[in-house]
C-alpha atoms as a PDB file:
ATOM      1  CA  MET A   1       0.006  -0.115   0.028  1.00  0.00           C
ATOM      2  CA  ASP A   2       2.883   2.327   0.765  1.00  0.00           C
ATOM      3  CA  ALA A   3       4.058   1.863  -2.986  1.00  0.00           C
ATOM      4  CA  ASP A   4       0.564   2.693  -4.258  1.00  0.00           C
ATOM      5  CA  ARG A   5       0.558   5.928  -2.161  1.00  0.00           C
ATOM      6  CA  ARG A   6       4.102   6.931  -3.375  1.00  0.00           C
ATOM      7  CA  SER A   7       2.939   6.275  -6.947  1.00  0.00           C
ATOM      8  CA  ALA A   8      -0.259   8.269  -6.534  1.00  0.00           C
ATOM      9  CA  ARG A   9       1.744  11.196  -5.078  1.00  0.00           C
ATOM     10  CA  SER A  10       4.331  11.054  -7.677  1.00  0.00           C
ATOM     11  CA  ASP A  11       1.621  10.979 -10.331  1.00  0.00           C
ATOM     12  CA  ALA A  12      -0.183  13.952  -8.692  1.00  0.00           C
ATOM     13  CA  ALA A  13       3.160  15.894  -8.543  1.00  0.00           C
ATOM     14  CA  ALA A  14       3.817  15.270 -12.208  1.00  0.00           C
ATOM     15  CA  LEU A  15       0.413  16.454 -13.041  1.00  0.00           C
ATOM     16  CA  ALA A  16       0.851  19.516 -10.974  1.00  0.00           C
ATOM     17  CA  VAL A  17       4.286  20.333 -12.533  1.00  0.00           C
ATOM     18  CA  GLY A  18       2.861  19.756 -16.117  1.00  0.00           C
ATOM     19  CA  LEU A  19      -0.201  22.104 -15.207  1.00  0.00           C
ATOM     20  CA  VAL A  20       2.188  24.794 -14.009  1.00  0.00           C
ATOM     21  CA  LEU A  21       4.284  24.580 -17.125  1.00  0.00           C
ATOM     22  CA  ALA A  22       1.297  24.703 -19.219  1.00  0.00           C
ATOM     23  CA  ILE A  23       0.001  27.818 -17.481  1.00  0.00           C
ATOM     24  CA  LEU A  24       3.287  29.529 -17.779  1.00  0.00           C
ATOM     25  CA  GLY A  25       3.611  28.696 -21.487  1.00  0.00           C
ATOM     26  CA  MET A  26       0.049  30.229 -22.010  1.00  0.00           C
ATOM     27  CA  SER A  27       0.889  33.217 -19.852  1.00  0.00           C
ATOM     28  CA  ARG A  28       3.960  34.011 -21.847  1.00  0.00           C
ATOM     29  CA  GLY A  29       1.976  34.212 -25.123  1.00  0.00           C
ATOM     30  CA  ALA A  30      -0.417  36.543 -23.490  1.00  0.00           C
ATOM     31  CA  TRP A  31       2.369  39.194 -22.865  1.00  0.00           C
ATOM     32  CA  ALA A  32       3.535  38.937 -26.532  1.00  0.00           C
ATOM     33  CA  HIS A  33       2.290  42.364 -27.553  1.00  0.00           C
ATOM     34  CA  ALA A  34       4.176  44.503 -29.942  1.00  0.00           C
ATOM     35  CA  PHE A  35       5.367  47.773 -28.482  1.00  0.00           C
ATOM     36  CA  PRO A  36       7.099  50.761 -30.119  1.00  0.00           C
ATOM     37  CA  ASP A  37      10.972  50.559 -29.818  1.00  0.00           C
ATOM     38  CA  HIS A  38      11.821  53.820 -31.509  1.00  0.00           C
ATOM     39  CA  SER A  39      10.494  56.236 -34.252  1.00  0.00           C
ATOM     40  CA  ASP A  40      11.528  58.600 -36.819  1.00  0.00           C
ATOM     41  CA  PRO A  41      10.727  61.550 -36.024  1.00  0.00           C
ATOM     42  CA  ARG A  42      11.250  60.643 -32.349  1.00  0.00           C
ATOM     43  CA  VAL A  43       8.275  60.795 -29.883  1.00  0.00           C
ATOM     44  CA  GLY A  44       7.643  64.421 -28.737  1.00  0.00           C
ATOM     45  CA  HIS A  45      10.609  65.982 -30.628  1.00  0.00           C
ATOM     46  CA  ALA A  46      10.710  69.112 -32.825  1.00  0.00           C
ATOM     47  CA  ILE A  47      12.235  68.687 -36.126  1.00  0.00           C
ATOM     48  CA  ASP A  48      13.497  71.587 -38.590  1.00  0.00           C
ATOM     49  CA  ALA A  49      11.870  70.276 -41.754  1.00  0.00           C
ATOM     50  CA  SER A  50       8.887  68.051 -42.845  1.00  0.00           C
ATOM     51  CA  PRO A  51      10.153  64.218 -43.018  1.00  0.00           C
ATOM     52  CA  PRO A  52       9.486  62.304 -46.182  1.00  0.00           C
ATOM     53  CA  GLN A  53       7.888  59.439 -44.143  1.00  0.00           C
ATOM     54  CA  VAL A  54       7.157  58.575 -40.465  1.00  0.00           C
ATOM     55  CA  ARG A  55       8.399  55.378 -39.221  1.00  0.00           C
ATOM     56  CA  ILE A  56       8.058  53.270 -36.110  1.00  0.00           C
ATOM     57  CA  TRP A  57      10.070  50.294 -35.281  1.00  0.00           C
ATOM     58  CA  PHE A  58       8.442  47.766 -32.925  1.00  0.00           C
ATOM     59  CA  ASP A  59       9.982  45.298 -30.652  1.00  0.00           C
ATOM     60  CA  GLY A  60       8.661  42.351 -32.523  1.00  0.00           C
ATOM     61  CA  ALA A  61       7.151  41.335 -35.845  1.00  0.00           C
ATOM     62  CA  ILE A  62       3.815  42.768 -36.737  1.00  0.00           C
ATOM     63  CA  GLU A  63       1.063  41.601 -39.214  1.00  0.00           C
ATOM     64  CA  PRO A  64       0.904  43.744 -42.214  1.00  0.00           C
ATOM     65  CA  VAL A  65      -2.687  43.235 -42.988  1.00  0.00           C
ATOM     66  CA  PHE A  66      -3.708  44.482 -39.650  1.00  0.00           C
ATOM     67  CA  SER A  67      -1.236  47.109 -38.786  1.00  0.00           C
ATOM     68  CA  THR A  68      -1.783  50.912 -39.530  1.00  0.00           C
ATOM     69  CA  LEU A  69      -0.079  54.297 -39.225  1.00  0.00           C
ATOM     70  CA  ARG A  70      -1.417  57.700 -39.902  1.00  0.00           C
ATOM     71  CA  VAL A  71      -0.233  61.314 -39.328  1.00  0.00           C
ATOM     72  CA  GLU A  72      -2.847  63.897 -38.226  1.00  0.00           C
ATOM     73  CA  ASN A  73      -2.614  67.685 -37.985  1.00  0.00           C
ATOM     74  CA  ALA A  74      -3.524  69.651 -35.018  1.00  0.00           C
ATOM     75  CA  GLY A  75      -7.080  69.660 -36.446  1.00  0.00           C
ATOM     76  CA  GLY A  76      -7.155  65.843 -36.475  1.00  0.00           C
ATOM     77  CA  GLN A  77      -7.195  65.660 -40.162  1.00  0.00           C
ATOM     78  CA  GLN A  78      -5.152  63.012 -41.753  1.00  0.00           C
ATOM     79  CA  VAL A  79      -2.224  64.500 -43.693  1.00  0.00           C
ATOM     80  CA  ASP A  80      -0.085  61.454 -44.853  1.00  0.00           C
ATOM     81  CA  ARG A  81      -0.251  59.741 -48.281  1.00  0.00           C
ATOM     82  CA  GLY A  82      -2.405  56.959 -47.033  1.00  0.00           C
ATOM     83  CA  ASP A  83       0.172  54.308 -47.856  1.00  0.00           C
ATOM     84  CA  SER A  84       1.207  52.899 -44.439  1.00  0.00           C
ATOM     85  CA  HIS A  85       2.700  49.499 -44.595  1.00  0.00           C
ATOM     86  CA  VAL A  86       4.946  47.123 -42.945  1.00  0.00           C
ATOM     87  CA  ASP A  87       8.470  47.357 -44.538  1.00  0.00           C
ATOM     88  CA  SER A  88       9.027  44.233 -46.797  1.00  0.00           C
ATOM     89  CA  SER A  89      12.461  43.694 -45.469  1.00  0.00           C
ATOM     90  CA  ASP A  90      11.847  44.408 -41.833  1.00  0.00           C
ATOM     91  CA  ASP A  91       8.685  42.976 -40.352  1.00  0.00           C
ATOM     92  CA  SER A  92       9.041  45.212 -37.167  1.00  0.00           C
ATOM     93  CA  LEU A  93       8.944  48.457 -39.010  1.00  0.00           C
ATOM     94  CA  LEU A  94       5.687  50.292 -39.926  1.00  0.00           C
ATOM     95  CA  GLU A  95       5.930  53.373 -42.061  1.00  0.00           C
ATOM     96  CA  VAL A  96       3.823  55.866 -44.020  1.00  0.00           C
ATOM     97  CA  SER A  97       5.005  58.607 -46.372  1.00  0.00           C
ATOM     98  CA  VAL A  98       3.922  62.202 -45.972  1.00  0.00           C
ATOM     99  CA  PRO A  99       3.845  65.234 -48.407  1.00  0.00           C
ATOM    100  CA  PRO A 100       5.741  68.420 -47.361  1.00  0.00           C
ATOM    101  CA  LEU A 101       4.079  69.566 -44.257  1.00  0.00           C
ATOM    102  CA  PRO A 102       3.953  73.101 -42.939  1.00  0.00           C
ATOM    103  CA  ALA A 103       5.200  74.099 -39.570  1.00  0.00           C
ATOM    104  CA  GLY A 104       2.867  72.979 -36.633  1.00  0.00           C
ATOM    105  CA  GLY A 105       2.147  70.066 -34.412  1.00  0.00           C
ATOM    106  CA  TYR A 106       1.343  66.584 -35.640  1.00  0.00           C
ATOM    107  CA  GLN A 107       0.077  63.338 -34.062  1.00  0.00           C
ATOM    108  CA  VAL A 108       1.227  59.962 -35.152  1.00  0.00           C
ATOM    109  CA  VAL A 109      -1.592  57.364 -34.595  1.00  0.00           C
ATOM    110  CA  TRP A 110      -0.714  53.604 -34.795  1.00  0.00           C
ATOM    111  CA  SER A 111      -2.347  50.334 -34.339  1.00  0.00           C
ATOM    112  CA  VAL A 112      -0.546  46.997 -34.680  1.00  0.00           C
ATOM    113  CA  VAL A 113      -1.277  43.326 -34.442  1.00  0.00           C
ATOM    114  CA  ALA A 114       1.780  41.278 -33.175  1.00  0.00           C
ATOM    115  CA  ARG A 115       2.324  37.867 -34.911  1.00  0.00           C
ATOM    116  CA  ASP A 116       0.522  36.237 -31.926  1.00  0.00           C
ATOM    117  CA  GLY A 117      -2.766  38.141 -32.746  1.00  0.00           C
ATOM    118  CA  HIS A 118      -2.605  40.756 -29.859  1.00  0.00           C
ATOM    119  CA  ARG A 119      -3.329  44.395 -30.785  1.00  0.00           C
ATOM    120  CA  THR A 120      -1.654  47.363 -29.308  1.00  0.00           C
ATOM    121  CA  GLU A 121      -2.184  50.985 -30.294  1.00  0.00           C
ATOM    122  CA  GLY A 122      -1.104  54.386 -29.406  1.00  0.00           C
ATOM    123  CA  ARG A 123      -0.202  57.992 -30.488  1.00  0.00           C
ATOM    124  CA  PHE A 124       2.591  60.413 -30.057  1.00  0.00           C
ATOM    125  CA  PRO A 125       3.291  64.077 -31.090  1.00  0.00           C
ATOM    126  CA  PHE A 126       6.065  65.839 -33.039  1.00  0.00           C
ATOM    127  CA  GLN A 127       6.492  69.269 -34.090  1.00  0.00           C
ATOM    128  CA  ILE A 128       7.833  70.908 -37.269  1.00  0.00           C
ATOM    129  CA  GLU A 129       9.433  74.155 -36.429  1.00  0.00           C
ATOM    130  CA  SER A 130       9.161  77.172 -38.689  1.00  0.00           C
ATOM    131  CA  HIS A 131      12.282  78.932 -39.738  1.00  0.00           C
END
């Protein structure tokens, strides 16, 4: 009977360890969102001239079909060329081209889906200074 108890305890311990590992594996996937790593123009910075494009690099691969980027003026109107896309040679880079923009404040608005299906979104300002 002692052998049966030890075997049952061993089986229960193995099951518990297996469940903990499974839960940890699922939790890790839940944290796999894509977040901005850096951008051009940089978040909150003032630049001297209109950039030819706005780019954001993320900390992981993003899904091209479900990821968008737009640039808005102070009035909330979209001012980019409407061609946002994930770079074909870097699946962590989202970019959109912009026409020559006048001096003023702008908002970059982004929404991405990581390869695991989790969506993140946000916005940040930049300024073009007049000279």
